[in-house]
Amino acid sequence: MNLMETIANELRTMERGIERADDGIVVSSLRKLDEILAADRERLPTQLLHFLERRSYQKALAYIDDELRVSGKGEHLKG
């Protein structure tokens, strides 16, 4: 799994936590996303970095989905 797939999976996990009103899942996902941002910011596309820094997570997920769809790697990420 590449970095963008990892971020997308974590964003989806956080969405499920929000839907279930599970603070533990949300907090855990936020921490993981912050860790990824701190460790790998140089590897992230500028626009994705912008979305993650500003916690625009829906935009970040849409950006990743578009990128993976274009590259043909996004089929298994839906849902």
C-alpha atoms as a PDB file:
ATOM      1  CA  MET A   1       0.000   0.000   0.000  1.00  0.00           C
ATOM      2  CA  ASN A   2       1.403   3.371  -0.964  1.00  0.00           C
ATOM      3  CA  LEU A   3       1.324   6.560   1.100  1.00  0.00           C
ATOM      4  CA  MET A   4      -1.796   8.015  -0.534  1.00  0.00           C
ATOM      5  CA  GLU A   5      -3.673   4.731  -0.078  1.00  0.00           C
ATOM      6  CA  THR A   6      -2.648   4.704   3.587  1.00  0.00           C
ATOM      7  CA  ILE A   7      -3.930   8.254   4.054  1.00  0.00           C
ATOM      8  CA  ALA A   8      -7.189   7.455   2.236  1.00  0.00           C
ATOM      9  CA  ASN A   9      -7.771   4.408   4.417  1.00  0.00           C
ATOM     10  CA  GLU A  10      -7.158   6.443   7.570  1.00  0.00           C
ATOM     11  CA  LEU A  11      -9.523   9.176   6.368  1.00  0.00           C
ATOM     12  CA  ARG A  12     -12.220   6.552   5.757  1.00  0.00           C
ATOM     13  CA  THR A  13     -11.625   5.073   9.196  1.00  0.00           C
ATOM     14  CA  MET A  14     -12.084   8.515  10.702  1.00  0.00           C
ATOM     15  CA  GLU A  15     -15.309   9.016   8.721  1.00  0.00           C
ATOM     16  CA  ARG A  16     -16.665   5.752  10.132  1.00  0.00           C
ATOM     17  CA  GLY A  17     -15.700   6.891  13.629  1.00  0.00           C
ATOM     18  CA  ILE A  18     -17.575  10.151  13.113  1.00  0.00           C
ATOM     19  CA  GLU A  19     -20.646   8.322  11.798  1.00  0.00           C
ATOM     20  CA  ARG A  20     -20.630   6.067  14.869  1.00  0.00           C
ATOM     21  CA  ALA A  21     -19.841   8.946  17.241  1.00  0.00           C
ATOM     22  CA  ASP A  22     -16.791   6.955  18.394  1.00  0.00           C
ATOM     23  CA  ASP A  23     -14.353   9.495  19.804  1.00  0.00           C
ATOM     24  CA  GLY A  24     -11.633   6.877  20.204  1.00  0.00           C
ATOM     25  CA  ILE A  25     -11.541   6.057  16.509  1.00  0.00           C
ATOM     26  CA  VAL A  26     -11.619   9.729  15.521  1.00  0.00           C
ATOM     27  CA  VAL A  27      -8.800  10.689  17.901  1.00  0.00           C
ATOM     28  CA  SER A  28      -6.707   7.707  16.819  1.00  0.00           C
ATOM     29  CA  SER A  29      -7.150   8.580  13.147  1.00  0.00           C
ATOM     30  CA  LEU A  30      -6.304  12.231  13.756  1.00  0.00           C
ATOM     31  CA  ARG A  31      -3.099  11.201  15.521  1.00  0.00           C
ATOM     32  CA  LYS A  32      -2.126   8.849  12.699  1.00  0.00           C
ATOM     33  CA  LEU A  33      -2.806  11.519  10.080  1.00  0.00           C
ATOM     34  CA  ASP A  34      -0.727  14.027  12.058  1.00  0.00           C
ATOM     35  CA  GLU A  35       2.106  11.474  12.299  1.00  0.00           C
ATOM     36  CA  ILE A  36       2.000  10.840   8.555  1.00  0.00           C
ATOM     37  CA  LEU A  37       1.989  14.576   7.868  1.00  0.00           C
ATOM     38  CA  ALA A  38       4.981  15.131  10.153  1.00  0.00           C
ATOM     39  CA  ALA A  39       6.986  12.204   8.798  1.00  0.00           C
ATOM     40  CA  ASP A  40       6.186  12.351   5.092  1.00  0.00           C
ATOM     41  CA  ARG A  41       5.251  15.921   4.219  1.00  0.00           C
ATOM     42  CA  GLU A  42       8.060  16.168   1.610  1.00  0.00           C
ATOM     43  CA  ARG A  43       6.597  13.185  -0.251  1.00  0.00           C
ATOM     44  CA  LEU A  44       3.068  14.600  -0.461  1.00  0.00           C
ATOM     45  CA  PRO A  45       1.739  16.528  -3.451  1.00  0.00           C
ATOM     46  CA  THR A  46       1.403  20.229  -2.650  1.00  0.00           C
ATOM     47  CA  GLN A  47      -2.383  20.299  -2.901  1.00  0.00           C
ATOM     48  CA  LEU A  48      -2.811  17.232  -0.680  1.00  0.00           C
ATOM     49  CA  LEU A  49      -0.424  18.725   1.857  1.00  0.00           C
ATOM     50  CA  HIS A  50      -2.499  21.916   1.833  1.00  0.00           C
ATOM     51  CA  PHE A  51      -5.713  19.963   2.532  1.00  0.00           C
ATOM     52  CA  LEU A  52      -4.164  17.885   5.319  1.00  0.00           C
ATOM     53  CA  GLU A  53      -2.530  20.864   7.027  1.00  0.00           C
ATOM     54  CA  ARG A  54      -5.862  22.676   7.081  1.00  0.00           C
ATOM     55  CA  ARG A  55      -7.739  19.545   8.136  1.00  0.00           C
ATOM     56  CA  SER A  56      -9.877  19.661   5.003  1.00  0.00           C
ATOM     57  CA  TYR A  57     -10.235  15.908   5.126  1.00  0.00           C
ATOM     58  CA  GLN A  58     -13.121  15.537   2.670  1.00  0.00           C
ATOM     59  CA  LYS A  59     -11.147  17.517   0.103  1.00  0.00           C
ATOM     60  CA  ALA A  60      -8.055  15.435   0.837  1.00  0.00           C
ATOM     61  CA  LEU A  61      -9.990  12.216   0.304  1.00  0.00           C
ATOM     62  CA  ALA A  62     -11.546  13.504  -2.929  1.00  0.00           C
ATOM     63  CA  TYR A  63      -8.080  14.525  -4.163  1.00  0.00           C
ATOM     64  CA  ILE A  64      -6.628  11.081  -3.362  1.00  0.00           C
ATOM     65  CA  ASP A  65      -9.565   9.259  -4.938  1.00  0.00           C
ATOM     66  CA  ASP A  66      -9.142  11.301  -8.123  1.00  0.00           C
ATOM     67  CA  GLU A  67      -5.392  10.639  -8.234  1.00  0.00           C
ATOM     68  CA  LEU A  68      -5.819   6.912  -7.637  1.00  0.00           C
ATOM     69  CA  ARG A  69      -8.606   6.679 -10.203  1.00  0.00           C
ATOM     70  CA  VAL A  70      -6.385   8.356 -12.811  1.00  0.00           C
ATOM     71  CA  SER A  71      -3.556   5.963 -11.989  1.00  0.00           C
ATOM     72  CA  GLY A  72      -5.894   2.953 -12.024  1.00  0.00           C
ATOM     73  CA  LYS A  73      -5.153   2.062  -8.407  1.00  0.00           C
ATOM     74  CA  GLY A  74      -8.364   3.255  -6.755  1.00  0.00           C
ATOM     75  CA  GLU A  75     -10.861   0.515  -7.545  1.00  0.00           C
ATOM     76  CA  HIS A  76     -10.413  -1.312  -4.225  1.00  0.00           C
ATOM     77  CA  LEU A  77     -10.582   1.864  -2.123  1.00  0.00           C
ATOM     78  CA  LYS A  78     -14.259   2.635  -2.590  1.00  0.00           C
ATOM     79  CA  GLY A  79     -16.595   2.110   0.339  1.00  0.00           C
END
